[in-house]
Amino acid sequence: MSTNSPAKPATPLRCTRCGDEDGPFTTGGLCENCETETASALRGASENVA
Protein backbone atom coordinates (compact mmCIF):
# COMPACT_ATOMS: atom_id res chain seq x y z
CA MET A 1 0.00 0.00 0.00
CA SER A 2 1.29 3.46 -0.89
CA THR A 3 1.74 6.11 1.78
CA ASN A 4 1.75 8.94 -0.76
CA SER A 5 -1.48 10.90 -0.69
CA PRO A 6 -2.40 13.85 -2.89
CA ALA A 7 -3.61 15.86 0.11
CA LYS A 8 -4.47 19.48 -0.46
CA PRO A 9 -3.15 22.10 1.95
CA ALA A 10 -5.73 23.08 4.56
CA THR A 11 -5.12 26.80 4.11
CA PRO A 12 -3.90 28.94 1.20
CA LEU A 13 -0.33 30.20 0.91
CA ARG A 14 -1.45 33.82 0.51
CA CYS A 15 -4.54 35.95 0.86
CA THR A 16 -6.67 35.94 -2.28
CA ARG A 17 -7.61 39.60 -1.71
CA CYS A 18 -4.46 41.46 -0.61
CA GLY A 19 -1.71 38.90 -1.24
CA ASP A 20 -0.55 38.74 2.40
CA GLU A 21 1.72 35.72 2.85
CA ASP A 22 2.12 35.89 6.65
CA GLY A 23 -1.31 34.55 7.64
CA PRO A 24 -3.14 33.28 9.49
CA PHE A 25 -5.75 32.58 6.85
CA THR A 26 -9.42 31.66 6.95
CA THR A 27 -10.78 28.70 5.03
CA GLY A 28 -12.21 31.17 2.51
CA GLY A 29 -8.69 32.10 1.40
CA LEU A 30 -8.55 35.51 3.08
CA CYS A 31 -6.18 36.73 5.76
CA GLU A 32 -7.82 37.63 9.06
CA ASN A 33 -7.65 41.39 8.28
CA CYS A 34 -9.46 41.02 4.94
CA GLU A 35 -11.98 38.60 6.47
CA THR A 36 -12.84 41.17 9.14
CA GLU A 37 -13.15 43.98 6.58
CA THR A 38 -15.36 41.86 4.32
CA ALA A 39 -17.62 40.84 7.19
CA SER A 40 -17.96 44.48 8.31
CA ALA A 41 -18.76 45.63 4.79
CA LEU A 42 -21.41 42.93 4.36
CA ARG A 43 -23.02 43.83 7.67
CA GLY A 44 -23.07 47.50 6.69
CA ALA A 45 -24.58 46.76 3.31
CA SER A 46 -27.36 44.67 4.79
CA GLU A 47 -28.16 47.42 7.33
CA ASN A 48 -28.41 50.03 4.56
CA VAL A 49 -30.82 47.91 2.49
CA ALA A 50 -33.57 47.94 5.10
PDB file of N, CA and C in Angstrom:
ATOM      1  N   MET A   1       0.848  -1.174   0.000  1.00  0.00           N
ATOM      2  CA  MET A   1       0.000   0.000   0.000  1.00  0.00           C
ATOM      3  C   MET A   1       0.896   1.240   0.000  1.00  0.00           C
ATOM      4  N   SER A   2       0.515   2.232  -0.775  1.00  0.00           N
ATOM      5  CA  SER A   2       1.289   3.462  -0.895  1.00  0.00           C
ATOM      6  C   SER A   2       0.949   4.423   0.234  1.00  0.00           C
ATOM      7  N   THR A   3       1.963   5.099   0.739  1.00  0.00           N
ATOM      8  CA  THR A   3       1.744   6.109   1.784  1.00  0.00           C
ATOM      9  C   THR A   3       1.657   7.509   1.201  1.00  0.00           C
ATOM     10  N   ASN A   4       1.858   7.633  -0.104  1.00  0.00           N
ATOM     11  CA  ASN A   4       1.748   8.938  -0.755  1.00  0.00           C
ATOM     12  C   ASN A   4       0.284   9.279  -0.938  1.00  0.00           C
ATOM     13  N   SER A   5      -0.097  10.459  -0.496  1.00  0.00           N
ATOM     14  CA  SER A   5      -1.478  10.903  -0.693  1.00  0.00           C
ATOM     15  C   SER A   5      -1.468  12.297  -1.302  1.00  0.00           C
ATOM     16  N   PRO A   6      -2.335  12.529  -2.256  1.00  0.00           N
ATOM     17  CA  PRO A   6      -2.403  13.849  -2.889  1.00  0.00           C
ATOM     18  C   PRO A   6      -3.227  14.825  -2.050  1.00  0.00           C
ATOM     19  N   ALA A   7      -2.859  14.994  -0.807  1.00  0.00           N
ATOM     20  CA  ALA A   7      -3.607  15.855   0.108  1.00  0.00           C
ATOM     21  C   ALA A   7      -3.425  17.319  -0.265  1.00  0.00           C
ATOM     22  N   LYS A   8      -4.511  18.048  -0.202  1.00  0.00           N
ATOM     23  CA  LYS A   8      -4.469  19.482  -0.462  1.00  0.00           C
ATOM     24  C   LYS A   8      -4.108  20.204   0.826  1.00  0.00           C
ATOM     25  N   PRO A   9      -3.416  21.337   0.727  1.00  0.00           N
ATOM     26  CA  PRO A   9      -3.149  22.102   1.952  1.00  0.00           C
ATOM     27  C   PRO A   9      -4.455  22.604   2.555  1.00  0.00           C
ATOM     28  N   ALA A  10      -4.511  22.668   3.870  1.00  0.00           N
ATOM     29  CA  ALA A  10      -5.734  23.078   4.555  1.00  0.00           C
ATOM     30  C   ALA A  10      -6.004  24.568   4.393  1.00  0.00           C
ATOM     31  N   THR A  11      -4.958  25.359   4.256  1.00  0.00           N
ATOM     32  CA  THR A  11      -5.119  26.801   4.106  1.00  0.00           C
ATOM     33  C   THR A  11      -4.291  27.278   2.912  1.00  0.00           C
ATOM     34  N   PRO A  12      -4.647  28.420   2.349  1.00  0.00           N
ATOM     35  CA  PRO A  12      -3.896  28.943   1.204  1.00  0.00           C
ATOM     36  C   PRO A  12      -2.528  29.462   1.627  1.00  0.00           C
ATOM     37  N   LEU A  13      -1.665  29.682   0.648  1.00  0.00           N
ATOM     38  CA  LEU A  13      -0.328  30.198   0.914  1.00  0.00           C
ATOM     39  C   LEU A  13      -0.298  31.715   0.953  1.00  0.00           C
ATOM     40  N   ARG A  14      -1.349  32.350   0.453  1.00  0.00           N
ATOM     41  CA  ARG A  14      -1.454  33.821   0.511  1.00  0.00           C
ATOM     42  C   ARG A  14      -2.910  34.219   0.417  1.00  0.00           C
ATOM     43  N   CYS A  15      -3.185  35.426   0.882  1.00  0.00           N
ATOM     44  CA  CYS A  15      -4.541  35.955   0.861  1.00  0.00           C
ATOM     45  C   CYS A  15      -4.974  36.186  -0.577  1.00  0.00           C
ATOM     46  N   THR A  16      -6.179  35.764  -0.912  1.00  0.00           N
ATOM     47  CA  THR A  16      -6.674  35.935  -2.276  1.00  0.00           C
ATOM     48  C   THR A  16      -7.094  37.373  -2.554  1.00  0.00           C
ATOM     49  N   ARG A  17      -7.192  38.203  -1.525  1.00  0.00           N
ATOM     50  CA  ARG A  17      -7.611  39.597  -1.713  1.00  0.00           C
ATOM     51  C   ARG A  17      -6.415  40.549  -1.733  1.00  0.00           C
ATOM     52  N   CYS A  18      -5.561  40.480  -0.706  1.00  0.00           N
ATOM     53  CA  CYS A  18      -4.464  41.457  -0.606  1.00  0.00           C
ATOM     54  C   CYS A  18      -3.084  40.857  -0.889  1.00  0.00           C
ATOM     55  N   GLY A  19      -2.988  39.528  -0.936  1.00  0.00           N
ATOM     56  CA  GLY A  19      -1.712  38.903  -1.237  1.00  0.00           C
ATOM     57  C   GLY A  19      -0.815  38.686  -0.031  1.00  0.00           C
ATOM     58  N   ASP A  20      -1.310  38.939   1.166  1.00  0.00           N
ATOM     59  CA  ASP A  20      -0.546  38.737   2.397  1.00  0.00           C
ATOM     60  C   ASP A  20      -0.095  37.287   2.485  1.00  0.00           C
ATOM     61  N   GLU A  21       1.184  37.066   2.764  1.00  0.00           N
ATOM     62  CA  GLU A  21       1.717  35.717   2.852  1.00  0.00           C
ATOM     63  C   GLU A  21       2.015  35.297   4.288  1.00  0.00           C
ATOM     64  N   ASP A  22       1.779  36.184   5.263  1.00  0.00           N
ATOM     65  CA  ASP A  22       2.124  35.886   6.646  1.00  0.00           C
ATOM     66  C   ASP A  22       1.047  35.087   7.364  1.00  0.00           C
ATOM     67  N   GLY A  23      -0.219  35.282   6.990  1.00  0.00           N
ATOM     68  CA  GLY A  23      -1.309  34.554   7.638  1.00  0.00           C
ATOM     69  C   GLY A  23      -1.595  35.111   9.014  1.00  0.00           C
ATOM     70  N   PRO A  24      -2.396  34.505   9.801  1.00  0.00           N
ATOM     71  CA  PRO A  24      -3.142  33.276   9.495  1.00  0.00           C
ATOM     72  C   PRO A  24      -4.276  33.540   8.522  1.00  0.00           C
ATOM     73  N   PHE A  25      -4.737  32.472   7.881  1.00  0.00           N
ATOM     74  CA  PHE A  25      -5.748  32.581   6.851  1.00  0.00           C
ATOM     75  C   PHE A  25      -7.029  31.860   7.263  1.00  0.00           C
ATOM     76  N   THR A  26      -8.147  32.335   6.734  1.00  0.00           N
ATOM     77  CA  THR A  26      -9.420  31.663   6.948  1.00  0.00           C
ATOM     78  C   THR A  26      -9.572  30.590   5.878  1.00  0.00           C
ATOM     79  N   THR A  27     -10.561  29.746   6.030  1.00  0.00           N
ATOM     80  CA  THR A  27     -10.782  28.702   5.031  1.00  0.00           C
ATOM     81  C   THR A  27     -11.281  29.284   3.714  1.00  0.00           C
ATOM     82  N   GLY A  28     -11.760  30.519   3.735  1.00  0.00           N
ATOM     83  CA  GLY A  28     -12.213  31.174   2.508  1.00  0.00           C
ATOM     84  C   GLY A  28     -11.078  31.738   1.675  1.00  0.00           C
ATOM     85  N   GLY A  29      -9.844  31.632   2.159  1.00  0.00           N
ATOM     86  CA  GLY A  29      -8.691  32.104   1.404  1.00  0.00           C
ATOM     87  C   GLY A  29      -8.282  33.529   1.702  1.00  0.00           C
ATOM     88  N   LEU A  30      -8.891  34.144   2.711  1.00  0.00           N
ATOM     89  CA  LEU A  30      -8.550  35.511   3.079  1.00  0.00           C
ATOM     90  C   LEU A  30      -7.731  35.528   4.355  1.00  0.00           C
ATOM     91  N   CYS A  31      -6.872  36.550   4.498  1.00  0.00           N
ATOM     92  CA  CYS A  31      -6.178  36.735   5.763  1.00  0.00           C
ATOM     93  C   CYS A  31      -7.193  37.256   6.780  1.00  0.00           C
ATOM     94  N   GLU A  32      -6.859  37.216   8.028  1.00  0.00           N
ATOM     95  CA  GLU A  32      -7.816  37.633   9.057  1.00  0.00           C
ATOM     96  C   GLU A  32      -8.222  39.098   8.913  1.00  0.00           C
ATOM     97  N   ASN A  33      -7.313  39.972   8.471  1.00  0.00           N
ATOM     98  CA  ASN A  33      -7.652  41.388   8.280  1.00  0.00           C
ATOM     99  C   ASN A  33      -8.697  41.561   7.183  1.00  0.00           C
ATOM    100  N   CYS A  34      -8.505  40.904   6.047  1.00  0.00           N
ATOM    101  CA  CYS A  34      -9.461  41.023   4.943  1.00  0.00           C
ATOM    102  C   CYS A  34     -10.782  40.366   5.309  1.00  0.00           C
ATOM    103  N   GLU A  35     -10.745  39.266   6.045  1.00  0.00           N
ATOM    104  CA  GLU A  35     -11.976  38.601   6.468  1.00  0.00           C
ATOM    105  C   GLU A  35     -12.796  39.533   7.345  1.00  0.00           C
ATOM    106  N   THR A  36     -12.148  40.232   8.258  1.00  0.00           N
ATOM    107  CA  THR A  36     -12.838  41.169   9.144  1.00  0.00           C
ATOM    108  C   THR A  36     -13.433  42.323   8.348  1.00  0.00           C
ATOM    109  N   GLU A  37     -12.666  42.877   7.405  1.00  0.00           N
ATOM    110  CA  GLU A  37     -13.148  43.983   6.577  1.00  0.00           C
ATOM    111  C   GLU A  37     -14.341  43.550   5.730  1.00  0.00           C
ATOM    112  N   THR A  38     -14.270  42.365   5.155  1.00  0.00           N
ATOM    113  CA  THR A  38     -15.360  41.863   4.316  1.00  0.00           C
ATOM    114  C   THR A  38     -16.619  41.656   5.143  1.00  0.00           C
ATOM    115  N   ALA A  39     -16.470  41.069   6.318  1.00  0.00           N
ATOM    116  CA  ALA A  39     -17.620  40.841   7.192  1.00  0.00           C
ATOM    117  C   ALA A  39     -18.248  42.167   7.610  1.00  0.00           C
ATOM    118  N   SER A  40     -17.438  43.163   7.922  1.00  0.00           N
ATOM    119  CA  SER A  40     -17.959  44.476   8.309  1.00  0.00           C
ATOM    120  C   SER A  40     -18.695  45.138   7.148  1.00  0.00           C
ATOM    121  N   ALA A  41     -18.135  45.032   5.961  1.00  0.00           N
ATOM    122  CA  ALA A  41     -18.764  45.635   4.786  1.00  0.00           C
ATOM    123  C   ALA A  41     -20.099  44.963   4.483  1.00  0.00           C
ATOM    124  N   LEU A  42     -20.160  43.646   4.616  1.00  0.00           N
ATOM    125  CA  LEU A  42     -21.406  42.934   4.356  1.00  0.00           C
ATOM    126  C   LEU A  42     -22.468  43.292   5.383  1.00  0.00           C
ATOM    127  N   ARG A  43     -22.069  43.430   6.632  1.00  0.00           N
ATOM    128  CA  ARG A  43     -23.023  43.827   7.672  1.00  0.00           C
ATOM    129  C   ARG A  43     -23.542  45.233   7.394  1.00  0.00           C
ATOM    130  N   GLY A  44     -22.665  46.125   6.996  1.00  0.00           N
ATOM    131  CA  GLY A  44     -23.068  47.495   6.695  1.00  0.00           C
ATOM    132  C   GLY A  44     -23.993  47.567   5.511  1.00  0.00           C
ATOM    133  N   ALA A  45     -23.732  46.773   4.486  1.00  0.00           N
ATOM    134  CA  ALA A  45     -24.578  46.760   3.306  1.00  0.00           C
ATOM    135  C   ALA A  45     -25.964  46.244   3.626  1.00  0.00           C
ATOM    136  N   SER A  46     -26.057  45.221   4.457  1.00  0.00           N
ATOM    137  CA  SER A  46     -27.364  44.673   4.794  1.00  0.00           C
ATOM    138  C   SER A  46     -28.156  45.639   5.686  1.00  0.00           C
ATOM    139  N   GLU A  47     -27.485  46.432   6.479  1.00  0.00           N
ATOM    140  CA  GLU A  47     -28.165  47.424   7.328  1.00  0.00           C
ATOM    141  C   GLU A  47     -28.691  48.570   6.480  1.00  0.00           C
ATOM    142  N   ASN A  48     -27.998  48.920   5.404  1.00  0.00           N
ATOM    143  CA  ASN A  48     -28.413  50.028   4.559  1.00  0.00           C
ATOM    144  C   ASN A  48     -29.566  49.645   3.629  1.00  0.00           C
ATOM    145  N   VAL A  49     -29.767  48.373   3.383  1.00  0.00           N
ATOM    146  CA  VAL A  49     -30.821  47.914   2.487  1.00  0.00           C
ATOM    147  C   VAL A  49     -32.188  48.090   3.126  1.00  0.00           C
ATOM    148  N   ALA A  50     -32.275  47.872   4.404  1.00  0.00           N
ATOM    149  CA  ALA A  50     -33.575  47.945   5.096  1.00  0.00           C
ATOM    150  C   ALA A  50     -34.037  49.347   5.146  1.00  0.00           C
TER     151      ALA A  50
END
